[in-house]
PDB file of N, CA and C in Angstrom:
ATOM      1  N   MET A   1       0.838  -1.294   0.038  1.00  0.00           N
ATOM      2  CA  MET A   1       0.002  -0.025  -0.008  1.00  0.00           C
ATOM      3  C   MET A   1       0.878   1.214   0.022  1.00  0.00           C
ATOM      4  N   THR A   2       0.640   1.997  -1.035  1.00  0.00           N
ATOM      5  CA  THR A   2       1.547   3.218  -1.174  1.00  0.00           C
ATOM      6  C   THR A   2       0.819   4.558  -1.360  1.00  0.00           C
ATOM      7  N   GLY A   3      -0.602   4.413  -1.529  1.00  0.00           N
ATOM      8  CA  GLY A   3      -1.313   5.666  -1.740  1.00  0.00           C
ATOM      9  C   GLY A   3      -1.407   6.483  -0.490  1.00  0.00           C
ATOM     10  N   LYS A   4      -1.670   7.755  -0.636  1.00  0.00           N
ATOM     11  CA  LYS A   4      -1.997   8.598   0.377  1.00  0.00           C
ATOM     12  C   LYS A   4      -3.200   8.267   1.145  1.00  0.00           C
ATOM     13  N   VAL A   5      -3.462   8.715   2.237  1.00  0.00           N
ATOM     14  CA  VAL A   5      -4.754   8.270   3.077  1.00  0.00           C
ATOM     15  C   VAL A   5      -5.657   9.533   3.225  1.00  0.00           C
ATOM     16  N   MET A   6      -6.932   9.333   3.030  1.00  0.00           N
ATOM     17  CA  MET A   6      -7.975  10.311   3.370  1.00  0.00           C
ATOM     18  C   MET A   6      -8.748   9.920   4.576  1.00  0.00           C
ATOM     19  N   GLU A   7      -8.725  10.898   5.421  1.00  0.00           N
ATOM     20  CA  GLU A   7      -9.598  10.700   6.692  1.00  0.00           C
ATOM     21  C   GLU A   7     -10.869  11.394   6.535  1.00  0.00           C
ATOM     22  N   TRP A   8     -11.941  10.717   6.709  1.00  0.00           N
ATOM     23  CA  TRP A   8     -13.387  11.221   6.394  1.00  0.00           C
ATOM     24  C   TRP A   8     -14.043  11.227   7.768  1.00  0.00           C
ATOM     25  N   ALA A   9     -14.343  12.430   8.189  1.00  0.00           N
ATOM     26  CA  ALA A   9     -14.851  12.692   9.508  1.00  0.00           C
ATOM     27  C   ALA A   9     -16.207  13.569   9.410  1.00  0.00           C
ATOM     28  N   PRO A  10     -17.415  12.786   9.183  1.00  0.00           N
ATOM     29  CA  PRO A  10     -18.631  13.528   9.082  1.00  0.00           C
ATOM     30  C   PRO A  10     -19.185  13.939  10.442  1.00  0.00           C
ATOM     31  N   PHE A  11     -19.918  15.117  10.438  1.00  0.00           N
ATOM     32  CA  PHE A  11     -20.617  15.604  11.765  1.00  0.00           C
ATOM     33  C   PHE A  11     -21.626  16.603  11.433  1.00  0.00           C
ATOM     34  N   ARG A  12     -22.385  16.954  12.366  1.00  0.00           N
ATOM     35  CA  ARG A  12     -23.358  18.099  12.402  1.00  0.00           C
ATOM     36  C   ARG A  12     -23.003  19.109  13.363  1.00  0.00           C
ATOM     37  N   LEU A  13     -23.299  20.344  13.191  1.00  0.00           N
ATOM     38  CA  LEU A  13     -23.091  21.397  14.152  1.00  0.00           C
ATOM     39  C   LEU A  13     -24.153  21.210  15.286  1.00  0.00           C
ATOM     40  N   ARG A  14     -23.612  21.607  16.556  1.00  0.00           N
ATOM     41  CA  ARG A  14     -24.601  21.743  17.694  1.00  0.00           C
ATOM     42  C   ARG A  14     -25.583  22.859  17.259  1.00  0.00           C
ATOM     43  N   PRO A  15     -26.844  22.800  17.739  1.00  0.00           N
ATOM     44  CA  PRO A  15     -27.836  23.809  17.342  1.00  0.00           C
ATOM     45  C   PRO A  15     -27.477  25.145  17.824  1.00  0.00           C
ATOM     46  N   ASP A  16     -26.759  25.295  18.874  1.00  0.00           N
ATOM     47  CA  ASP A  16     -26.329  26.561  19.447  1.00  0.00           C
ATOM     48  C   ASP A  16     -25.072  27.142  18.874  1.00  0.00           C
ATOM     49  N   VAL A  17     -24.477  26.569  17.807  1.00  0.00           N
ATOM     50  CA  VAL A  17     -23.141  27.009  17.330  1.00  0.00           C
ATOM     51  C   VAL A  17     -23.414  27.495  15.888  1.00  0.00           C
ATOM     52  N   SER A  18     -22.676  28.603  15.621  1.00  0.00           N
ATOM     53  CA  SER A  18     -22.833  29.304  14.293  1.00  0.00           C
ATOM     54  C   SER A  18     -21.599  28.626  13.411  1.00  0.00           C
ATOM     55  N   GLU A  19     -21.845  28.705  12.186  1.00  0.00           N
ATOM     56  CA  GLU A  19     -20.784  28.238  11.123  1.00  0.00           C
ATOM     57  C   GLU A  19     -19.515  29.081  11.435  1.00  0.00           C
ATOM     58  N   GLY A  20     -19.710  30.346  11.605  1.00  0.00           N
ATOM     59  CA  GLY A  20     -18.584  31.190  11.778  1.00  0.00           C
ATOM     60  C   GLY A  20     -17.638  30.797  12.962  1.00  0.00           C
ATOM     61  N   ALA A  21     -18.322  30.340  14.134  1.00  0.00           N
ATOM     62  CA  ALA A  21     -17.630  29.941  15.256  1.00  0.00           C
ATOM     63  C   ALA A  21     -16.899  28.651  14.946  1.00  0.00           C
ATOM     64  N   LEU A  22     -17.538  27.734  14.182  1.00  0.00           N
ATOM     65  CA  LEU A  22     -16.953  26.447  13.747  1.00  0.00           C
ATOM     66  C   LEU A  22     -15.705  26.732  12.903  1.00  0.00           C
ATOM     67  N   LEU A  23     -15.738  27.635  11.956  1.00  0.00           N
ATOM     68  CA  LEU A  23     -14.667  27.990  11.124  1.00  0.00           C
ATOM     69  C   LEU A  23     -13.438  28.580  11.822  1.00  0.00           C
ATOM     70  N   GLU A  24     -13.748  29.318  12.901  1.00  0.00           N
ATOM     71  CA  GLU A  24     -12.643  29.903  13.590  1.00  0.00           C
ATOM     72  C   GLU A  24     -11.996  28.752  14.511  1.00  0.00           C
ATOM     73  N   ALA A  25     -12.763  27.938  15.053  1.00  0.00           N
ATOM     74  CA  ALA A  25     -12.181  26.776  15.785  1.00  0.00           C
ATOM     75  C   ALA A  25     -11.413  25.827  14.881  1.00  0.00           C
ATOM     76  N   ALA A  26     -11.949  25.653  13.626  1.00  0.00           N
ATOM     77  CA  ALA A  26     -11.258  24.715  12.654  1.00  0.00           C
ATOM     78  C   ALA A  26      -9.832  25.312  12.233  1.00  0.00           C
ATOM     79  N   ALA A  27      -9.933  26.696  12.060  1.00  0.00           N
ATOM     80  CA  ALA A  27      -8.591  27.331  11.829  1.00  0.00           C
ATOM     81  C   ALA A  27      -7.626  27.124  12.938  1.00  0.00           C
ATOM     82  N   ARG A  28      -8.023  27.305  14.188  1.00  0.00           N
ATOM     83  CA  ARG A  28      -7.131  27.202  15.264  1.00  0.00           C
ATOM     84  C   ARG A  28      -6.537  25.779  15.373  1.00  0.00           C
ATOM     85  N   MET A  29      -7.377  24.832  15.278  1.00  0.00           N
ATOM     86  CA  MET A  29      -6.940  23.336  15.141  1.00  0.00           C
ATOM     87  C   MET A  29      -5.906  23.091  14.112  1.00  0.00           C
ATOM     88  N   GLN A  30      -6.211  23.735  12.905  1.00  0.00           N
ATOM     89  CA  GLN A  30      -5.341  23.625  11.745  1.00  0.00           C
ATOM     90  C   GLN A  30      -3.939  24.081  12.030  1.00  0.00           C
ATOM     91  N   ASP A  31      -3.827  25.363  12.567  1.00  0.00           N
ATOM     92  CA  ASP A  31      -2.631  25.924  12.853  1.00  0.00           C
ATOM     93  C   ASP A  31      -1.858  25.391  13.980  1.00  0.00           C
ATOM     94  N   ARG A  32      -2.496  25.129  15.015  1.00  0.00           N
ATOM     95  CA  ARG A  32      -1.925  24.600  16.325  1.00  0.00           C
ATOM     96  C   ARG A  32      -1.773  23.145  16.452  1.00  0.00           C
ATOM     97  N   PHE A  33      -2.462  22.424  15.646  1.00  0.00           N
ATOM     98  CA  PHE A  33      -2.350  20.869  15.849  1.00  0.00           C
ATOM     99  C   PHE A  33      -2.001  20.271  14.553  1.00  0.00           C
ATOM    100  N   LEU A  34      -2.913  20.288  13.588  1.00  0.00           N
ATOM    101  CA  LEU A  34      -2.683  19.508  12.383  1.00  0.00           C
ATOM    102  C   LEU A  34      -1.422  19.804  11.610  1.00  0.00           C
ATOM    103  N   LYS A  35      -1.164  21.046  11.330  1.00  0.00           N
ATOM    104  CA  LYS A  35       0.049  21.441  10.607  1.00  0.00           C
ATOM    105  C   LYS A  35       1.372  20.923  11.256  1.00  0.00           C
ATOM    106  N   ARG A  36       1.305  20.516  12.524  1.00  0.00           N
ATOM    107  CA  ARG A  36       2.477  20.044  13.323  1.00  0.00           C
ATOM    108  C   ARG A  36       2.613  18.577  13.282  1.00  0.00           C
ATOM    109  N   GLN A  37       1.657  17.886  12.634  1.00  0.00           N
ATOM    110  CA  GLN A  37       1.646  16.350  12.600  1.00  0.00           C
ATOM    111  C   GLN A  37       2.514  15.749  11.519  1.00  0.00           C
ATOM    112  N   PRO A  38       3.339  14.859  11.812  1.00  0.00           N
ATOM    113  CA  PRO A  38       4.137  14.239  10.743  1.00  0.00           C
ATOM    114  C   PRO A  38       3.167  13.537   9.846  1.00  0.00           C
ATOM    115  N   GLY A  39       3.404  13.712   8.526  1.00  0.00           N
ATOM    116  CA  GLY A  39       2.665  13.129   7.478  1.00  0.00           C
ATOM    117  C   GLY A  39       1.422  13.829   7.010  1.00  0.00           C
ATOM    118  N   TYR A  40       1.048  14.856   7.811  1.00  0.00           N
ATOM    119  CA  TYR A  40      -0.128  15.695   7.400  1.00  0.00           C
ATOM    120  C   TYR A  40       0.112  16.249   6.013  1.00  0.00           C
ATOM    121  N   LEU A  41      -0.868  16.238   5.154  1.00  0.00           N
ATOM    122  CA  LEU A  41      -0.692  16.739   3.675  1.00  0.00           C
ATOM    123  C   LEU A  41      -1.587  18.124   3.638  1.00  0.00           C
ATOM    124  N   ASN A  42      -2.829  17.834   3.762  1.00  0.00           N
ATOM    125  CA  ASN A  42      -3.819  19.047   3.627  1.00  0.00           C
ATOM    126  C   ASN A  42      -5.206  18.589   4.227  1.00  0.00           C
ATOM    127  N   ARG A  43      -6.132  19.684   4.149  1.00  0.00           N
ATOM    128  CA  ARG A  43      -7.422  19.385   4.808  1.00  0.00           C
ATOM    129  C   ARG A  43      -8.460  20.288   4.068  1.00  0.00           C
ATOM    130  N   GLU A  44      -9.680  19.692   3.945  1.00  0.00           N
ATOM    131  CA  GLU A  44     -10.792  20.472   3.462  1.00  0.00           C
ATOM    132  C   GLU A  44     -11.996  20.298   4.442  1.00  0.00           C
ATOM    133  N   LEU A  45     -12.741  21.326   4.774  1.00  0.00           N
ATOM    134  CA  LEU A  45     -13.818  21.254   5.514  1.00  0.00           C
ATOM    135  C   LEU A  45     -15.012  21.640   4.536  1.00  0.00           C
ATOM    136  N   VAL A  46     -16.003  20.695   4.419  1.00  0.00           N
ATOM    137  CA  VAL A  46     -17.018  20.871   3.476  1.00  0.00           C
ATOM    138  C   VAL A  46     -18.403  20.706   3.973  1.00  0.00           C
ATOM    139  N   ARG A  47     -19.412  21.510   3.420  1.00  0.00           N
ATOM    140  CA  ARG A  47     -20.762  21.435   4.019  1.00  0.00           C
ATOM    141  C   ARG A  47     -21.568  20.837   2.845  1.00  0.00           C
ATOM    142  N   GLY A  48     -22.416  19.814   3.283  1.00  0.00           N
ATOM    143  CA  GLY A  48     -23.396  19.143   2.370  1.00  0.00           C
ATOM    144  C   GLY A  48     -24.654  19.950   2.253  1.00  0.00           C
ATOM    145  N   SER A  49     -25.365  19.699   1.197  1.00  0.00           N
ATOM    146  CA  SER A  49     -26.632  20.326   0.999  1.00  0.00           C
ATOM    147  C   SER A  49     -27.754  20.048   2.071  1.00  0.00           C
ATOM    148  N   ASP A  50     -27.474  19.068   2.814  1.00  0.00           N
ATOM    149  CA  ASP A  50     -28.394  18.640   3.866  1.00  0.00           C
ATOM    150  C   ASP A  50     -28.052  19.399   5.241  1.00  0.00           C
ATOM    151  N   GLY A  51     -26.963  20.157   5.207  1.00  0.00           N
ATOM    152  CA  GLY A  51     -26.610  20.903   6.407  1.00  0.00           C
ATOM    153  C   GLY A  51     -25.478  20.179   7.189  1.00  0.00           C
ATOM    154  N   SER A  52     -25.044  18.980   6.797  1.00  0.00           N
ATOM    155  CA  SER A  52     -23.993  18.194   7.499  1.00  0.00           C
ATOM    156  C   SER A  52     -22.632  18.726   6.990  1.00  0.00           C
ATOM    157  N   TYR A  53     -21.603  18.326   7.691  1.00  0.00           N
ATOM    158  CA  TYR A  53     -20.291  18.676   7.401  1.00  0.00           C
ATOM    159  C   TYR A  53     -19.432  17.566   7.303  1.00  0.00           C
ATOM    160  N   VAL A  54     -18.280  17.600   6.667  1.00  0.00           N
ATOM    161  CA  VAL A  54     -17.334  16.668   6.670  1.00  0.00           C
ATOM    162  C   VAL A  54     -15.909  17.247   6.700  1.00  0.00           C
ATOM    163  N   ASP A  55     -15.041  16.804   7.602  1.00  0.00           N
ATOM    164  CA  ASP A  55     -13.742  17.227   7.696  1.00  0.00           C
ATOM    165  C   ASP A  55     -12.945  16.188   6.873  1.00  0.00           C
ATOM    166  N   VAL A  56     -12.268  16.596   5.814  1.00  0.00           N
ATOM    167  CA  VAL A  56     -11.454  15.684   4.969  1.00  0.00           C
ATOM    168  C   VAL A  56     -10.048  16.013   5.053  1.00  0.00           C
ATOM    169  N   ILE A  57      -9.321  15.077   5.714  1.00  0.00           N
ATOM    170  CA  ILE A  57      -7.872  15.284   5.987  1.00  0.00           C
ATOM    171  C   ILE A  57      -7.054  14.337   5.148  1.00  0.00           C
ATOM    172  N   TRP A  58      -6.044  14.785   4.535  1.00  0.00           N
ATOM    173  CA  TRP A  58      -5.180  13.825   3.757  1.00  0.00           C
ATOM    174  C   TRP A  58      -3.768  13.693   4.532  1.00  0.00           C
ATOM    175  N   TRP A  59      -3.366  12.379   4.659  1.00  0.00           N
ATOM    176  CA  TRP A  59      -2.183  12.050   5.275  1.00  0.00           C
ATOM    177  C   TRP A  59      -1.281  11.202   4.307  1.00  0.00           C
ATOM    178  N   ARG A  60      -0.013  11.209   4.495  1.00  0.00           N
ATOM    179  CA  ARG A  60       0.969  10.528   3.715  1.00  0.00           C
ATOM    180  C   ARG A  60       0.689   9.027   3.802  1.00  0.00           C
ATOM    181  N   SER A  61       0.325   8.559   4.949  1.00  0.00           N
ATOM    182  CA  SER A  61       0.096   7.036   5.187  1.00  0.00           C
ATOM    183  C   SER A  61      -0.822   6.709   6.256  1.00  0.00           C
ATOM    184  N   HIS A  62      -1.244   5.440   6.250  1.00  0.00           N
ATOM    185  CA  HIS A  62      -2.176   5.064   7.414  1.00  0.00           C
ATOM    186  C   HIS A  62      -1.443   5.225   8.664  1.00  0.00           C
ATOM    187  N   ALA A  63      -0.083   4.947   8.743  1.00  0.00           N
ATOM    188  CA  ALA A  63       0.697   5.100  10.027  1.00  0.00           C
ATOM    189  C   ALA A  63       0.583   6.436  10.443  1.00  0.00           C
ATOM    190  N   ASP A  64       0.838   7.481   9.576  1.00  0.00           N
ATOM    191  CA  ASP A  64       0.814   8.846  10.004  1.00  0.00           C
ATOM    192  C   ASP A  64      -0.645   9.265  10.616  1.00  0.00           C
ATOM    193  N   ALA A  65      -1.683   8.818   9.884  1.00  0.00           N
ATOM    194  CA  ALA A  65      -2.977   9.048  10.368  1.00  0.00           C
ATOM    195  C   ALA A  65      -3.205   8.419  11.749  1.00  0.00           C
ATOM    196  N   ALA A  66      -2.844   7.170  11.878  1.00  0.00           N
ATOM    197  CA  ALA A  66      -2.965   6.434  13.128  1.00  0.00           C
ATOM    198  C   ALA A  66      -2.198   7.054  14.266  1.00  0.00           C
ATOM    199  N   ALA A  67      -1.067   7.589  14.019  1.00  0.00           N
ATOM    200  CA  ALA A  67      -0.178   8.215  14.978  1.00  0.00           C
ATOM    201  C   ALA A  67      -0.795   9.570  15.546  1.00  0.00           C
ATOM    202  N   ALA A  68      -1.604  10.326  14.695  1.00  0.00           N
ATOM    203  CA  ALA A  68      -2.170  11.499  15.123  1.00  0.00           C
ATOM    204  C   ALA A  68      -3.386  11.270  15.960  1.00  0.00           C
ATOM    205  N   MET A  69      -4.053  10.269  15.800  1.00  0.00           N
ATOM    206  CA  MET A  69      -5.329   9.934  16.464  1.00  0.00           C
ATOM    207  C   MET A  69      -5.296  10.022  17.967  1.00  0.00           C
ATOM    208  N   PRO A  70      -4.239   9.434  18.670  1.00  0.00           N
ATOM    209  CA  PRO A  70      -4.311   9.523  20.117  1.00  0.00           C
ATOM    210  C   PRO A  70      -3.859  10.829  20.578  1.00  0.00           C
ATOM    211  N   LYS A  71      -3.167  11.627  19.832  1.00  0.00           N
ATOM    212  CA  LYS A  71      -2.702  13.037  20.333  1.00  0.00           C
ATOM    213  C   LYS A  71      -3.911  13.985  20.298  1.00  0.00           C
ATOM    214  N   VAL A  72      -4.967  13.737  19.483  1.00  0.00           N
ATOM    215  CA  VAL A  72      -6.116  14.603  19.463  1.00  0.00           C
ATOM    216  C   VAL A  72      -6.718  14.897  20.828  1.00  0.00           C
ATOM    217  N   HIS A  73      -6.816  13.897  21.631  1.00  0.00           N
ATOM    218  CA  HIS A  73      -7.531  13.986  22.955  1.00  0.00           C
ATOM    219  C   HIS A  73      -6.733  14.776  23.920  1.00  0.00           C
ATOM    220  N   ALA A  74      -5.465  15.050  23.559  1.00  0.00           N
ATOM    221  CA  ALA A  74      -4.477  15.896  24.545  1.00  0.00           C
ATOM    222  C   ALA A  74      -4.403  17.268  24.080  1.00  0.00           C
ATOM    223  N   SER A  75      -5.085  17.639  22.943  1.00  0.00           N
ATOM    224  CA  SER A  75      -4.894  18.836  22.320  1.00  0.00           C
ATOM    225  C   SER A  75      -6.175  19.721  22.648  1.00  0.00           C
ATOM    226  N   LYS A  76      -5.989  20.828  23.355  1.00  0.00           N
ATOM    227  CA  LYS A  76      -7.009  21.712  23.795  1.00  0.00           C
ATOM    228  C   LYS A  76      -7.708  22.219  22.486  1.00  0.00           C
ATOM    229  N   ASP A  77      -6.958  22.560  21.472  1.00  0.00           N
ATOM    230  CA  ASP A  77      -7.543  23.038  20.248  1.00  0.00           C
ATOM    231  C   ASP A  77      -8.476  22.076  19.512  1.00  0.00           C
ATOM    232  N   CYS A  78      -8.057  20.777  19.539  1.00  0.00           N
ATOM    233  CA  CYS A  78      -8.877  19.790  18.938  1.00  0.00           C
ATOM    234  C   CYS A  78     -10.208  19.632  19.730  1.00  0.00           C
ATOM    235  N   LEU A  79     -10.095  19.680  21.070  1.00  0.00           N
ATOM    236  CA  LEU A  79     -11.263  19.380  21.921  1.00  0.00           C
ATOM    237  C   LEU A  79     -12.229  20.588  21.749  1.00  0.00           C
ATOM    238  N   ASP A  80     -11.657  21.796  21.563  1.00  0.00           N
ATOM    239  CA  ASP A  80     -12.555  22.993  21.375  1.00  0.00           C
ATOM    240  C   ASP A  80     -13.172  22.858  20.089  1.00  0.00           C
ATOM    241  N   TYR A  81     -12.545  22.442  19.098  1.00  0.00           N
ATOM    242  CA  TYR A  81     -13.188  22.222  17.710  1.00  0.00           C
ATOM    243  C   TYR A  81     -14.286  21.208  17.784  1.00  0.00           C
ATOM    244  N   PHE A  82     -14.010  20.063  18.548  1.00  0.00           N
ATOM    245  CA  PHE A  82     -15.085  19.045  18.616  1.00  0.00           C
ATOM    246  C   PHE A  82     -16.244  19.547  19.426  1.00  0.00           C
ATOM    247  N   ASP A  83     -16.047  20.502  20.354  1.00  0.00           N
ATOM    248  CA  ASP A  83     -17.171  20.935  21.274  1.00  0.00           C
ATOM    249  C   ASP A  83     -18.220  21.743  20.326  1.00  0.00           C
ATOM    250  N   HIS A  84     -17.902  22.076  19.131  1.00  0.00           N
ATOM    251  CA  HIS A  84     -18.888  22.753  18.211  1.00  0.00           C
ATOM    252  C   HIS A  84     -19.820  21.635  17.608  1.00  0.00           C
ATOM    253  N   MET A  85     -19.573  20.437  17.687  1.00  0.00           N
ATOM    254  CA  MET A  85     -20.168  19.334  16.924  1.00  0.00           C
ATOM    255  C   MET A  85     -21.179  18.674  17.873  1.00  0.00           C
ATOM    256  N   GLN A  86     -22.224  18.086  17.224  1.00  0.00           N
ATOM    257  CA  GLN A  86     -23.128  17.181  17.859  1.00  0.00           C
ATOM    258  C   GLN A  86     -22.462  15.861  17.871  1.00  0.00           C
ATOM    259  N   ILE A  87     -22.083  15.302  19.106  1.00  0.00           N
ATOM    260  CA  ILE A  87     -21.367  14.093  19.102  1.00  0.00           C
ATOM    261  C   ILE A  87     -22.139  13.174  20.105  1.00  0.00           C
ATOM    262  N   ASP A  88     -22.447  12.037  19.639  1.00  0.00           N
ATOM    263  CA  ASP A  88     -23.013  10.988  20.552  1.00  0.00           C
ATOM    264  C   ASP A  88     -21.861  10.356  21.256  1.00  0.00           C
ATOM    265  N   SER A  89     -21.753  10.655  22.552  1.00  0.00           N
ATOM    266  CA  SER A  89     -20.615  10.211  23.402  1.00  0.00           C
ATOM    267  C   SER A  89     -20.464   8.748  23.361  1.00  0.00           C
ATOM    268  N   ALA A  90     -21.575   7.977  23.200  1.00  0.00           N
ATOM    269  CA  ALA A  90     -21.497   6.628  23.136  1.00  0.00           C
ATOM    270  C   ALA A  90     -20.755   6.025  21.883  1.00  0.00           C
ATOM    271  N   ASN A  91     -20.747   6.854  20.879  1.00  0.00           N
ATOM    272  CA  ASN A  91     -20.200   6.436  19.531  1.00  0.00           C
ATOM    273  C   ASN A  91     -19.215   7.504  19.101  1.00  0.00           C
ATOM    274  N   ALA A  92     -18.655   8.182  19.995  1.00  0.00           N
ATOM    275  CA  ALA A  92     -17.583   9.234  19.568  1.00  0.00           C
ATOM    276  C   ALA A  92     -16.399   8.687  18.851  1.00  0.00           C
ATOM    277  N   GLY A  93     -16.074   9.096  17.722  1.00  0.00           N
ATOM    278  CA  GLY A  93     -14.912   8.740  16.901  1.00  0.00           C
ATOM    279  C   GLY A  93     -15.267   7.537  16.037  1.00  0.00           C
ATOM    280  N   THR A  94     -16.404   6.921  16.175  1.00  0.00           N
ATOM    281  CA  THR A  94     -16.592   5.735  15.359  1.00  0.00           C
ATOM    282  C   THR A  94     -17.033   5.995  13.823  1.00  0.00           C
ATOM    283  N   SER A  95     -17.318   7.330  13.609  1.00  0.00           N
ATOM    284  CA  SER A  95     -17.678   7.702  12.293  1.00  0.00           C
ATOM    285  C   SER A  95     -16.523   8.112  11.529  1.00  0.00           C
ATOM    286  N   VAL A  96     -15.388   8.193  12.087  1.00  0.00           N
ATOM    287  CA  VAL A  96     -14.114   8.633  11.356  1.00  0.00           C
ATOM    288  C   VAL A  96     -13.589   7.452  10.588  1.00  0.00           C
ATOM    289  N   LEU A  97     -13.467   7.577   9.341  1.00  0.00           N
ATOM    290  CA  LEU A  97     -12.964   6.525   8.454  1.00  0.00           C
ATOM    291  C   LEU A  97     -11.663   6.890   7.673  1.00  0.00           C
ATOM    292  N   HIS A  98     -10.899   5.915   7.476  1.00  0.00           N
ATOM    293  CA  HIS A  98      -9.654   6.187   6.608  1.00  0.00           C
ATOM    294  C   HIS A  98      -9.725   5.344   5.302  1.00  0.00           C
ATOM    295  N   PHE A  99      -9.371   6.091   4.235  1.00  0.00           N
ATOM    296  CA  PHE A  99      -9.547   5.462   2.886  1.00  0.00           C
ATOM    297  C   PHE A  99      -8.083   5.578   2.243  1.00  0.00           C
ATOM    298  N   GLU A 100      -7.553   4.642   1.582  1.00  0.00           N
ATOM    299  CA  GLU A 100      -6.357   4.731   0.872  1.00  0.00           C
ATOM    300  C   GLU A 100      -6.619   5.157  -0.505  1.00  0.00           C
ATOM    301  N   GLN A 101      -5.969   6.037  -1.058  1.00  0.00           N
ATOM    302  CA  GLN A 101      -6.071   6.445  -2.497  1.00  0.00           C
ATOM    303  C   GLN A 101      -5.526   5.304  -3.396  1.00  0.00           C
ATOM    304  N   LEU A 102      -6.304   4.851  -4.227  1.00  0.00           N
ATOM    305  CA  LEU A 102      -5.904   3.857  -5.122  1.00  0.00           C
ATOM    306  C   LEU A 102      -5.364   4.585  -6.441  1.00  0.00           C
ATOM    307  N   ARG A 103      -5.998   5.573  -6.922  1.00  0.00           N
ATOM    308  CA  ARG A 103      -5.570   6.176  -8.168  1.00  0.00           C
ATOM    309  C   ARG A 103      -6.198   7.590  -8.200  1.00  0.00           C
ATOM    310  N   SER A 104      -5.515   8.464  -8.830  1.00  0.00           N
ATOM    311  CA  SER A 104      -6.070   9.788  -9.019  1.00  0.00           C
ATOM    312  C   SER A 104      -6.222  10.032 -10.548  1.00  0.00           C
ATOM    313  N   PHE A 105      -7.363  10.484 -10.970  1.00  0.00           N
ATOM    314  CA  PHE A 105      -7.631  10.645 -12.451  1.00  0.00           C
ATOM    315  C   PHE A 105      -7.561  12.152 -12.710  1.00  0.00           C
TER     316      PHE A 105
END
């Protein structure tokens, strides 16, 4: 396996949170956490027509993506970003998936 890895993290905003506040928290997490992770390539935050959101993060490898995951819970900036989301505490983190790029067209 040699393709880069896409992290797919869907979520919804909490009802009391504005999109502007989400974007500010996303930028802080980007600058203070993600940019500093080995193997991090780039990220897109997208909104669906149904009002849902997906954080799409590209990593150099599965190992790089996996190495960053445990660090998330020790990052104040990550936790602040997550606080903007509706998260089912019983299933927190279970919707985050990783996909290996097979080919780019």
